[in-house]
Amino acid sequence: MDLFDRQTIDDDVWDELEELLISADVGVSTTEKLIGEVKQRAAEEKLDGSQVGAALKAAMVRILSVPPGEKSGEVTPPEVYLVVGVNGSGKTTSIAKLAFKMKKEGKSVLIAAADTFRAAAIDQLKIQGERVGVDVVAHQPGADPGAVVYDTLQAAKSRQVDIVIIDTAGRLHTKYNLMEELKKVRRVAAKADATAPHEVILVLDATTGQNGLTQARYFTEAVGVTGIFLAKLDGTARGGIVLAICDELKVPIQLIGVGEGLEDMVTFNAEDFVEALCS
C-alpha cells in the first residue's frame, strides 16, 4: 500500500486506509479493530510510515492465525469430511481438488453425492470422480441425502477406505430447510461413527464479499464448520472477507483454490495471504 510511503501518518491516511480495507471486503467491524490497534501502536511507539504498514500486516496475520480445532484422539478410518457451501461457490471443483490431493498422498477416497436436490450436482460430481479416479456413491435425484451418506459410509467400511468426502446441498434461499437437512446428514454420519464428521469444510467463493460472513455464520451455527476452503481466489478476488470470518467466528482458513485445475489448490498461509491482499 502506497499510503505508507508518506513521511507523516495523519488522519487522511487513516481514512484512506479504512476505505481500502472496507473495499477489500474486510468488513466494518474488523476494519475498525485493525485500525484502532495499529493507530494505538503507532502513537505509543512513534512509528513511521513503513513501520505502520508492517504493524498493519502483523495485526492481520494475527487475526488470520486461528488454531485448528482439537481432534479427539486417533481417527478410525474412514475419516469423514462434510463439505458445505451455497450453490455456485465452487464446491464440486473443490471436492475434486481435495480428493486429488488425498489420492496423491496415497489414501483411498470415496465421495458421497448427497446433494440430491439437483440432478446436475450428481452428474457433475460423477464427472469429477472419473477425472480424479475416485468412486462416487449416488442415488436418484430427489432421494434422501441421509440414505446416500449411510450407504457411502457402509461401503467405505466394507472396502476399508481411508477418506469419505460428503457433498451437500447449498440452496441458501430456503435457509431453514437447508440447515435442517445438513443437521440430519451430520447426524447420520455420527450414527456410523460418534466422532464423525471429523472435518466440516465450508467452501466460500472469494468474490462473495460481505455475504461470505453471513454464509459462514449460518453454516457454522448449523453444522459446526471446522475450516474454510476459499475458492476462486484468482483474478480480481481480494478475499478480505476471511479476516472478518476469522475475527468474528474464529474459524480457520485451511485451503485456497487458485484456478480450475486439480492441482490449483494451496494450503493457506497467513503471511502470504496478507502480502497479496496488501499489494
C-alpha atoms as a PDB file:
ATOM      1  CA  MET A   1       0.000   0.000   0.000  1.00  0.00           C
ATOM      2  CA  ASP A   2       1.480   3.345  -1.181  1.00  0.00           C
ATOM      3  CA  LEU A   3      -0.210   5.043   1.767  1.00  0.00           C
ATOM      4  CA  PHE A   4       2.713   4.181   3.999  1.00  0.00           C
ATOM      5  CA  ASP A   5       5.315   5.836   1.752  1.00  0.00           C
ATOM      6  CA  ARG A   6       4.372   9.192   3.292  1.00  0.00           C
ATOM      7  CA  GLN A   7       6.525  10.834   5.938  1.00  0.00           C
ATOM      8  CA  THR A   8       3.654  11.616   8.295  1.00  0.00           C
ATOM      9  CA  ILE A   9       0.692   9.401   9.054  1.00  0.00           C
ATOM     10  CA  ASP A  10      -2.189  11.820   9.564  1.00  0.00           C
ATOM     11  CA  ASP A  11      -5.988  11.477   9.743  1.00  0.00           C
ATOM     12  CA  ASP A  12      -6.255  11.454   5.925  1.00  0.00           C
ATOM     13  CA  VAL A  13      -4.068   8.337   5.810  1.00  0.00           C
ATOM     14  CA  TRP A  14      -6.195   6.529   8.391  1.00  0.00           C
ATOM     15  CA  ASP A  15      -9.368   7.493   6.492  1.00  0.00           C
ATOM     16  CA  GLU A  16      -7.915   6.223   3.204  1.00  0.00           C
ATOM     17  CA  LEU A  17      -6.772   3.022   4.883  1.00  0.00           C
ATOM     18  CA  GLU A  18     -10.266   2.476   6.246  1.00  0.00           C
ATOM     19  CA  GLU A  19     -11.735   2.878   2.757  1.00  0.00           C
ATOM     20  CA  LEU A  20      -9.177   0.481   1.265  1.00  0.00           C
ATOM     21  CA  LEU A  21      -9.828  -2.238   3.829  1.00  0.00           C
ATOM     22  CA  ILE A  22     -13.605  -1.976   3.515  1.00  0.00           C
ATOM     23  CA  SER A  23     -13.371  -2.074  -0.301  1.00  0.00           C
ATOM     24  CA  ALA A  24     -11.265  -5.252   0.051  1.00  0.00           C
ATOM     25  CA  ASP A  25     -14.242  -6.816   1.940  1.00  0.00           C
ATOM     26  CA  VAL A  26     -12.517  -6.854   5.328  1.00  0.00           C
ATOM     27  CA  GLY A  27     -15.777  -5.614   6.883  1.00  0.00           C
ATOM     28  CA  VAL A  28     -16.518  -2.557   9.021  1.00  0.00           C
ATOM     29  CA  SER A  29     -16.122  -4.169  12.454  1.00  0.00           C
ATOM     30  CA  THR A  30     -12.800  -5.895  11.677  1.00  0.00           C
ATOM     31  CA  THR A  31     -11.504  -2.793   9.851  1.00  0.00           C
ATOM     32  CA  GLU A  32     -12.214  -0.624  12.910  1.00  0.00           C
ATOM     33  CA  LYS A  33     -10.495  -3.174  15.140  1.00  0.00           C
ATOM     34  CA  LEU A  34      -7.394  -3.301  12.907  1.00  0.00           C
ATOM     35  CA  ILE A  35      -7.097   0.484  12.572  1.00  0.00           C
ATOM     36  CA  GLY A  36      -7.660   1.030  16.300  1.00  0.00           C
ATOM     37  CA  GLU A  37      -4.915  -1.441  17.185  1.00  0.00           C
ATOM     38  CA  VAL A  38      -2.394  -0.087  14.646  1.00  0.00           C
ATOM     39  CA  LYS A  39      -3.200   3.545  15.472  1.00  0.00           C
ATOM     40  CA  GLN A  40      -2.530   2.902  19.161  1.00  0.00           C
ATOM     41  CA  ARG A  41       0.745   1.153  18.384  1.00  0.00           C
ATOM     42  CA  ALA A  42       1.811   3.950  16.033  1.00  0.00           C
ATOM     43  CA  ALA A  43       1.184   6.579  18.744  1.00  0.00           C
ATOM     44  CA  GLU A  44       2.876   4.633  21.553  1.00  0.00           C
ATOM     45  CA  GLU A  45       5.929   3.563  19.556  1.00  0.00           C
ATOM     46  CA  LYS A  46       6.123   6.673  17.309  1.00  0.00           C
ATOM     47  CA  LEU A  47       6.165   4.559  14.133  1.00  0.00           C
ATOM     48  CA  ASP A  48       6.988   5.952  10.704  1.00  0.00           C
ATOM     49  CA  GLY A  49       5.051   5.053   7.519  1.00  0.00           C
ATOM     50  CA  SER A  50       6.794   1.789   6.676  1.00  0.00           C
ATOM     51  CA  GLN A  51       6.592   0.638  10.302  1.00  0.00           C
ATOM     52  CA  VAL A  52       2.851   1.367  10.355  1.00  0.00           C
ATOM     53  CA  GLY A  53       2.479  -0.758   7.215  1.00  0.00           C
ATOM     54  CA  ALA A  54       4.372  -3.601   8.881  1.00  0.00           C
ATOM     55  CA  ALA A  55       2.274  -3.231  12.054  1.00  0.00           C
ATOM     56  CA  LEU A  56      -0.931  -3.468   9.987  1.00  0.00           C
ATOM     57  CA  LYS A  57       0.274  -6.658   8.271  1.00  0.00           C
ATOM     58  CA  ALA A  58       1.278  -8.178  11.620  1.00  0.00           C
ATOM     59  CA  ALA A  59      -2.187  -7.401  13.049  1.00  0.00           C
ATOM     60  CA  MET A  60      -3.839  -9.030  10.019  1.00  0.00           C
ATOM     61  CA  VAL A  61      -1.673 -12.142  10.295  1.00  0.00           C
ATOM     62  CA  ARG A  62      -2.580 -12.423  13.976  1.00  0.00           C
ATOM     63  CA  ILE A  63      -6.320 -12.333  13.166  1.00  0.00           C
ATOM     64  CA  LEU A  64      -5.899 -14.942  10.416  1.00  0.00           C
ATOM     65  CA  SER A  65      -3.858 -17.323  12.589  1.00  0.00           C
ATOM     66  CA  VAL A  66      -6.830 -19.165  14.083  1.00  0.00           C
ATOM     67  CA  PRO A  67      -5.653 -22.504  15.530  1.00  0.00           C
ATOM     68  CA  PRO A  68      -7.367 -25.650  14.207  1.00  0.00           C
ATOM     69  CA  GLY A  69      -9.884 -27.368  16.463  1.00  0.00           C
ATOM     70  CA  GLU A  70      -8.746 -30.234  18.677  1.00  0.00           C
ATOM     71  CA  LYS A  71      -9.301 -33.717  17.276  1.00  0.00           C
ATOM     72  CA  SER A  72     -10.467 -36.286  19.799  1.00  0.00           C
ATOM     73  CA  GLY A  73      -7.769 -38.952  19.743  1.00  0.00           C
ATOM     74  CA  GLU A  74      -6.936 -41.264  16.864  1.00  0.00           C
ATOM     75  CA  VAL A  75      -9.431 -41.312  13.980  1.00  0.00           C
ATOM     76  CA  THR A  76     -10.619 -44.783  12.984  1.00  0.00           C
ATOM     77  CA  PRO A  77     -11.000 -44.897   9.172  1.00  0.00           C
ATOM     78  CA  PRO A  78     -12.865 -43.726   7.313  1.00  0.00           C
ATOM     79  CA  GLU A  79     -12.107 -40.105   8.168  1.00  0.00           C
ATOM     80  CA  VAL A  80     -15.240 -38.167   7.199  1.00  0.00           C
ATOM     81  CA  TYR A  81     -15.185 -34.722   5.549  1.00  0.00           C
ATOM     82  CA  LEU A  82     -18.538 -32.954   5.330  1.00  0.00           C
ATOM     83  CA  VAL A  83     -18.316 -30.267   2.625  1.00  0.00           C
ATOM     84  CA  VAL A  84     -20.886 -27.450   2.740  1.00  0.00           C
ATOM     85  CA  GLY A  85     -21.458 -24.211   0.854  1.00  0.00           C
ATOM     86  CA  VAL A  86     -24.001 -22.397  -1.299  1.00  0.00           C
ATOM     87  CA  ASN A  87     -24.626 -23.373  -4.917  1.00  0.00           C
ATOM     88  CA  GLY A  88     -22.108 -21.774  -7.263  1.00  0.00           C
ATOM     89  CA  SER A  89     -19.397 -21.410  -4.618  1.00  0.00           C
ATOM     90  CA  GLY A  90     -17.112 -23.895  -6.386  1.00  0.00           C
ATOM     91  CA  LYS A  91     -17.970 -26.798  -4.066  1.00  0.00           C
ATOM     92  CA  THR A  92     -17.803 -29.595  -6.669  1.00  0.00           C
ATOM     93  CA  THR A  93     -14.440 -28.463  -8.057  1.00  0.00           C
ATOM     94  CA  SER A  94     -13.089 -28.029  -4.521  1.00  0.00           C
ATOM     95  CA  ILE A  95     -14.165 -31.576  -3.596  1.00  0.00           C
ATOM     96  CA  ALA A  96     -12.322 -32.881  -6.679  1.00  0.00           C
ATOM     97  CA  LYS A  97      -9.180 -30.987  -5.617  1.00  0.00           C
ATOM     98  CA  LEU A  98      -9.415 -32.390  -2.076  1.00  0.00           C
ATOM     99  CA  ALA A  99      -9.873 -35.939  -3.390  1.00  0.00           C
ATOM    100  CA  PHE A 100      -6.965 -35.487  -5.826  1.00  0.00           C
ATOM    101  CA  LYS A 101      -4.668 -34.254  -3.022  1.00  0.00           C
ATOM    102  CA  MET A 102      -5.624 -37.163  -0.762  1.00  0.00           C
ATOM    103  CA  LYS A 103      -5.091 -39.711  -3.539  1.00  0.00           C
ATOM    104  CA  LYS A 104      -1.631 -38.241  -4.203  1.00  0.00           C
ATOM    105  CA  GLU A 105      -0.883 -38.779  -0.521  1.00  0.00           C
ATOM    106  CA  GLY A 106      -1.651 -42.485  -1.046  1.00  0.00           C
ATOM    107  CA  LYS A 107      -5.078 -42.509   0.626  1.00  0.00           C
ATOM    108  CA  SER A 108      -8.184 -44.247  -0.716  1.00  0.00           C
ATOM    109  CA  VAL A 109     -11.193 -41.930  -1.152  1.00  0.00           C
ATOM    110  CA  LEU A 110     -14.952 -42.367  -1.601  1.00  0.00           C
ATOM    111  CA  ILE A 111     -17.308 -39.475  -2.384  1.00  0.00           C
ATOM    112  CA  ALA A 112     -20.984 -39.253  -1.333  1.00  0.00           C
ATOM    113  CA  ALA A 113     -23.247 -37.347  -3.748  1.00  0.00           C
ATOM    114  CA  ALA A 114     -25.605 -36.130  -1.009  1.00  0.00           C
ATOM    115  CA  ASP A 115     -26.774 -33.038  -2.916  1.00  0.00           C
ATOM    116  CA  THR A 116     -29.743 -34.994  -4.253  1.00  0.00           C
ATOM    117  CA  PHE A 117     -31.891 -31.922  -4.905  1.00  0.00           C
ATOM    118  CA  ARG A 118     -30.142 -31.105  -8.190  1.00  0.00           C
ATOM    119  CA  ALA A 119     -29.642 -33.811 -10.814  1.00  0.00           C
ATOM    120  CA  ALA A 120     -26.860 -31.640 -12.269  1.00  0.00           C
ATOM    121  CA  ALA A 121     -24.971 -31.762  -8.951  1.00  0.00           C
ATOM    122  CA  ILE A 122     -24.899 -35.573  -9.020  1.00  0.00           C
ATOM    123  CA  ASP A 123     -23.776 -35.628 -12.662  1.00  0.00           C
ATOM    124  CA  GLN A 124     -21.055 -33.015 -12.054  1.00  0.00           C
ATOM    125  CA  LEU A 125     -19.724 -34.973  -9.086  1.00  0.00           C
ATOM    126  CA  LYS A 126     -19.624 -38.211 -11.108  1.00  0.00           C
ATOM    127  CA  ILE A 127     -17.649 -36.439 -13.858  1.00  0.00           C
ATOM    128  CA  GLN A 128     -15.195 -35.065 -11.281  1.00  0.00           C
ATOM    129  CA  GLY A 129     -14.927 -38.505  -9.668  1.00  0.00           C
ATOM    130  CA  GLU A 130     -13.945 -40.041 -13.014  1.00  0.00           C
ATOM    131  CA  ARG A 131     -11.468 -37.213 -13.570  1.00  0.00           C
ATOM    132  CA  VAL A 132      -9.766 -37.926 -10.241  1.00  0.00           C
ATOM    133  CA  GLY A 133     -10.200 -41.694 -10.346  1.00  0.00           C
ATOM    134  CA  VAL A 134     -12.410 -41.879  -7.245  1.00  0.00           C
ATOM    135  CA  ASP A 135     -15.727 -43.731  -6.874  1.00  0.00           C
ATOM    136  CA  VAL A 136     -18.878 -41.697  -6.233  1.00  0.00           C
ATOM    137  CA  VAL A 137     -21.846 -43.192  -4.366  1.00  0.00           C
ATOM    138  CA  ALA A 138     -25.065 -41.700  -5.753  1.00  0.00           C
ATOM    139  CA  HIS A 139     -28.825 -42.335  -5.610  1.00  0.00           C
ATOM    140  CA  GLN A 140     -31.541 -40.978  -7.872  1.00  0.00           C
ATOM    141  CA  PRO A 141     -32.236 -37.201  -7.863  1.00  0.00           C
ATOM    142  CA  GLY A 142     -34.661 -36.372  -5.056  1.00  0.00           C
ATOM    143  CA  ALA A 143     -33.509 -39.287  -2.888  1.00  0.00           C
ATOM    144  CA  ASP A 144     -32.912 -38.893   0.846  1.00  0.00           C
ATOM    145  CA  PRO A 145     -29.428 -37.351   1.342  1.00  0.00           C
ATOM    146  CA  GLY A 146     -29.109 -39.220   4.661  1.00  0.00           C
ATOM    147  CA  ALA A 147     -29.542 -42.537   2.850  1.00  0.00           C
ATOM    148  CA  VAL A 148     -26.720 -41.628   0.434  1.00  0.00           C
ATOM    149  CA  VAL A 149     -24.424 -40.821   3.362  1.00  0.00           C
ATOM    150  CA  TYR A 150     -25.372 -44.049   5.167  1.00  0.00           C
ATOM    151  CA  ASP A 151     -24.688 -46.180   2.064  1.00  0.00           C
ATOM    152  CA  THR A 152     -21.378 -44.393   1.427  1.00  0.00           C
ATOM    153  CA  LEU A 153     -20.148 -44.962   4.984  1.00  0.00           C
ATOM    154  CA  GLN A 154     -21.166 -48.639   4.856  1.00  0.00           C
ATOM    155  CA  ALA A 155     -19.340 -49.053   1.535  1.00  0.00           C
ATOM    156  CA  ALA A 156     -16.285 -47.243   2.924  1.00  0.00           C
ATOM    157  CA  LYS A 157     -16.120 -49.592   5.914  1.00  0.00           C
ATOM    158  CA  SER A 158     -16.511 -52.742   3.821  1.00  0.00           C
ATOM    159  CA  ARG A 159     -13.865 -51.556   1.342  1.00  0.00           C
ATOM    160  CA  GLN A 160     -11.588 -50.229   4.137  1.00  0.00           C
ATOM    161  CA  VAL A 161     -11.483 -46.770   2.561  1.00  0.00           C
ATOM    162  CA  ASP A 162      -9.388 -44.073   4.307  1.00  0.00           C
ATOM    163  CA  ILE A 163     -11.404 -40.941   3.499  1.00  0.00           C
ATOM    164  CA  VAL A 164     -15.078 -40.177   2.795  1.00  0.00           C
ATOM    165  CA  ILE A 165     -15.973 -36.766   1.332  1.00  0.00           C
ATOM    166  CA  ILE A 166     -19.663 -35.843   1.530  1.00  0.00           C
ATOM    167  CA  ASP A 167     -21.099 -33.287  -0.889  1.00  0.00           C
ATOM    168  CA  THR A 168     -24.219 -31.483   0.363  1.00  0.00           C
ATOM    169  CA  ALA A 169     -26.955 -29.214  -0.978  1.00  0.00           C
ATOM    170  CA  GLY A 170     -26.489 -25.473  -0.930  1.00  0.00           C
ATOM    171  CA  ARG A 171     -29.753 -23.687  -1.623  1.00  0.00           C
ATOM    172  CA  LEU A 172     -29.441 -20.727   0.723  1.00  0.00           C
ATOM    173  CA  HIS A 173     -32.790 -19.192  -0.317  1.00  0.00           C
ATOM    174  CA  THR A 174     -34.521 -21.978   1.655  1.00  0.00           C
ATOM    175  CA  LYS A 175     -32.184 -21.457   4.583  1.00  0.00           C
ATOM    176  CA  TYR A 176     -34.199 -23.183   7.311  1.00  0.00           C
ATOM    177  CA  ASN A 177     -34.889 -26.359   5.287  1.00  0.00           C
ATOM    178  CA  LEU A 178     -31.314 -26.496   4.043  1.00  0.00           C
ATOM    179  CA  MET A 179     -29.797 -26.176   7.504  1.00  0.00           C
ATOM    180  CA  GLU A 180     -32.169 -28.820   8.911  1.00  0.00           C
ATOM    181  CA  GLU A 181     -31.160 -31.160   6.066  1.00  0.00           C
ATOM    182  CA  LEU A 182     -27.465 -30.551   6.810  1.00  0.00           C
ATOM    183  CA  LYS A 183     -28.005 -31.279  10.512  1.00  0.00           C
ATOM    184  CA  LYS A 184     -29.692 -34.553   9.528  1.00  0.00           C
ATOM    185  CA  VAL A 185     -26.756 -35.511   7.264  1.00  0.00           C
ATOM    186  CA  ARG A 186     -24.406 -34.764  10.150  1.00  0.00           C
ATOM    187  CA  ARG A 187     -26.465 -36.966  12.494  1.00  0.00           C
ATOM    188  CA  VAL A 188     -26.370 -39.863  10.014  1.00  0.00           C
ATOM    189  CA  ALA A 189     -22.561 -39.609   9.854  1.00  0.00           C
ATOM    190  CA  ALA A 190     -22.387 -39.526  13.663  1.00  0.00           C
ATOM    191  CA  LYS A 191     -24.517 -42.698  13.916  1.00  0.00           C
ATOM    192  CA  ALA A 192     -21.929 -44.585  11.856  1.00  0.00           C
ATOM    193  CA  ASP A 193     -19.071 -43.111  13.923  1.00  0.00           C
ATOM    194  CA  ALA A 194     -19.678 -40.983  17.016  1.00  0.00           C
ATOM    195  CA  THR A 195     -16.629 -38.837  16.189  1.00  0.00           C
ATOM    196  CA  ALA A 196     -17.796 -38.106  12.599  1.00  0.00           C
ATOM    197  CA  PRO A 197     -17.748 -35.858  10.712  1.00  0.00           C
ATOM    198  CA  HIS A 198     -14.119 -35.237  11.560  1.00  0.00           C
ATOM    199  CA  GLU A 199     -13.952 -32.059   9.445  1.00  0.00           C
ATOM    200  CA  VAL A 200     -16.731 -29.744   8.269  1.00  0.00           C
ATOM    201  CA  ILE A 201     -15.323 -27.700   5.402  1.00  0.00           C
ATOM    202  CA  LEU A 202     -17.163 -24.599   4.175  1.00  0.00           C
ATOM    203  CA  VAL A 203     -16.383 -23.761   0.552  1.00  0.00           C
ATOM    204  CA  LEU A 204     -16.569 -19.987   0.166  1.00  0.00           C
ATOM    205  CA  ASP A 205     -16.367 -18.081  -3.104  1.00  0.00           C
ATOM    206  CA  ALA A 206     -13.631 -15.416  -2.658  1.00  0.00           C
ATOM    207  CA  THR A 207     -15.672 -12.981  -4.792  1.00  0.00           C
ATOM    208  CA  THR A 208     -18.720 -13.201  -2.481  1.00  0.00           C
ATOM    209  CA  GLY A 209     -17.781 -10.192  -0.364  1.00  0.00           C
ATOM    210  CA  GLN A 210     -19.726  -9.376   2.798  1.00  0.00           C
ATOM    211  CA  ASN A 211     -22.298 -12.089   2.090  1.00  0.00           C
ATOM    212  CA  GLY A 212     -19.496 -14.578   2.852  1.00  0.00           C
ATOM    213  CA  LEU A 213     -19.615 -13.682   6.551  1.00  0.00           C
ATOM    214  CA  THR A 214     -23.378 -14.310   6.641  1.00  0.00           C
ATOM    215  CA  GLN A 215     -22.919 -17.670   4.922  1.00  0.00           C
ATOM    216  CA  ALA A 216     -20.123 -18.652   7.304  1.00  0.00           C
ATOM    217  CA  ARG A 217     -22.273 -17.722  10.297  1.00  0.00           C
ATOM    218  CA  TYR A 218     -25.295 -19.770   9.100  1.00  0.00           C
ATOM    219  CA  PHE A 219     -23.274 -22.872   8.306  1.00  0.00           C
ATOM    220  CA  THR A 220     -21.195 -22.662  11.493  1.00  0.00           C
ATOM    221  CA  GLU A 221     -24.334 -22.398  13.640  1.00  0.00           C
ATOM    222  CA  ALA A 222     -25.970 -25.351  11.831  1.00  0.00           C
ATOM    223  CA  VAL A 223     -23.146 -27.862  11.476  1.00  0.00           C
ATOM    224  CA  GLY A 224     -20.074 -26.505  13.295  1.00  0.00           C
ATOM    225  CA  VAL A 225     -17.706 -25.539  10.479  1.00  0.00           C
ATOM    226  CA  THR A 226     -14.116 -26.541  11.340  1.00  0.00           C
ATOM    227  CA  GLY A 227     -12.335 -24.955   8.380  1.00  0.00           C
ATOM    228  CA  ILE A 228     -12.771 -22.862   5.244  1.00  0.00           C
ATOM    229  CA  PHE A 229     -11.788 -23.646   1.670  1.00  0.00           C
ATOM    230  CA  LEU A 230     -11.531 -20.263  -0.060  1.00  0.00           C
ATOM    231  CA  ALA A 231     -12.338 -20.946  -3.715  1.00  0.00           C
ATOM    232  CA  LYS A 232     -11.849 -18.780  -6.826  1.00  0.00           C
ATOM    233  CA  LEU A 233      -9.046 -16.670  -5.345  1.00  0.00           C
ATOM    234  CA  ASP A 234      -7.721 -15.671  -8.743  1.00  0.00           C
ATOM    235  CA  GLY A 235      -8.087 -12.569 -10.906  1.00  0.00           C
ATOM    236  CA  THR A 236      -9.818  -9.694  -9.120  1.00  0.00           C
ATOM    237  CA  ALA A 237     -10.952 -11.507  -5.959  1.00  0.00           C
ATOM    238  CA  ARG A 238      -9.496  -9.901  -2.849  1.00  0.00           C
ATOM    239  CA  GLY A 239     -10.814 -12.378  -0.301  1.00  0.00           C
ATOM    240  CA  GLY A 240     -10.602  -9.870   2.557  1.00  0.00           C
ATOM    241  CA  ILE A 241     -13.838 -11.270   3.985  1.00  0.00           C
ATOM    242  CA  VAL A 242     -11.843 -14.115   5.556  1.00  0.00           C
ATOM    243  CA  LEU A 243     -10.373 -11.581   8.006  1.00  0.00           C
ATOM    244  CA  ALA A 244     -13.884 -10.842   9.292  1.00  0.00           C
ATOM    245  CA  ILE A 245     -14.693 -14.579   9.446  1.00  0.00           C
ATOM    246  CA  CYS A 246     -11.531 -15.370  11.433  1.00  0.00           C
ATOM    247  CA  ASP A 247     -12.076 -12.343  13.661  1.00  0.00           C
ATOM    248  CA  GLU A 248     -15.775 -12.863  14.426  1.00  0.00           C
ATOM    249  CA  LEU A 249     -16.294 -16.637  14.093  1.00  0.00           C
ATOM    250  CA  LYS A 250     -12.795 -17.941  14.942  1.00  0.00           C
ATOM    251  CA  VAL A 251     -12.928 -20.485  12.085  1.00  0.00           C
ATOM    252  CA  PRO A 252      -9.537 -21.212  10.478  1.00  0.00           C
ATOM    253  CA  ILE A 253      -8.881 -20.859   6.749  1.00  0.00           C
ATOM    254  CA  GLN A 254      -7.368 -24.162   5.608  1.00  0.00           C
ATOM    255  CA  LEU A 255      -7.122 -24.229   1.821  1.00  0.00           C
ATOM    256  CA  ILE A 256      -7.229 -21.852  -1.140  1.00  0.00           C
ATOM    257  CA  GLY A 257      -8.356 -22.613  -4.678  1.00  0.00           C
ATOM    258  CA  VAL A 258      -6.385 -20.594  -7.231  1.00  0.00           C
ATOM    259  CA  GLY A 259      -7.624 -21.998 -10.558  1.00  0.00           C
ATOM    260  CA  GLU A 260      -9.690 -24.689 -12.275  1.00  0.00           C
ATOM    261  CA  GLY A 261      -7.017 -27.423 -12.416  1.00  0.00           C
ATOM    262  CA  LEU A 262      -6.935 -30.280  -9.899  1.00  0.00           C
ATOM    263  CA  GLU A 263      -3.555 -29.077  -8.591  1.00  0.00           C
ATOM    264  CA  ASP A 264      -4.689 -25.443  -8.307  1.00  0.00           C
ATOM    265  CA  MET A 265      -5.033 -25.585  -4.528  1.00  0.00           C
ATOM    266  CA  VAL A 266      -2.649 -24.448  -1.814  1.00  0.00           C
ATOM    267  CA  THR A 267      -2.549 -24.714   1.960  1.00  0.00           C
ATOM    268  CA  PHE A 268      -3.450 -21.369   3.488  1.00  0.00           C
ATOM    269  CA  ASN A 269      -0.518 -19.280   4.684  1.00  0.00           C
ATOM    270  CA  ALA A 270      -1.477 -16.129   6.619  1.00  0.00           C
ATOM    271  CA  GLU A 271       1.723 -14.197   5.781  1.00  0.00           C
ATOM    272  CA  ASP A 272       1.467 -14.906   2.031  1.00  0.00           C
ATOM    273  CA  PHE A 273      -2.227 -14.050   2.018  1.00  0.00           C
ATOM    274  CA  VAL A 274      -1.673 -10.702   3.764  1.00  0.00           C
ATOM    275  CA  GLU A 275       1.179  -9.793   1.376  1.00  0.00           C
ATOM    276  CA  ALA A 276      -1.121 -10.456  -1.596  1.00  0.00           C
ATOM    277  CA  LEU A 277      -4.025  -8.544  -0.020  1.00  0.00           C
ATOM    278  CA  CYS A 278      -1.843  -5.502   0.742  1.00  0.00           C
ATOM    279  CA  SER A 279      -0.013  -5.444  -2.591  1.00  0.00           C
END
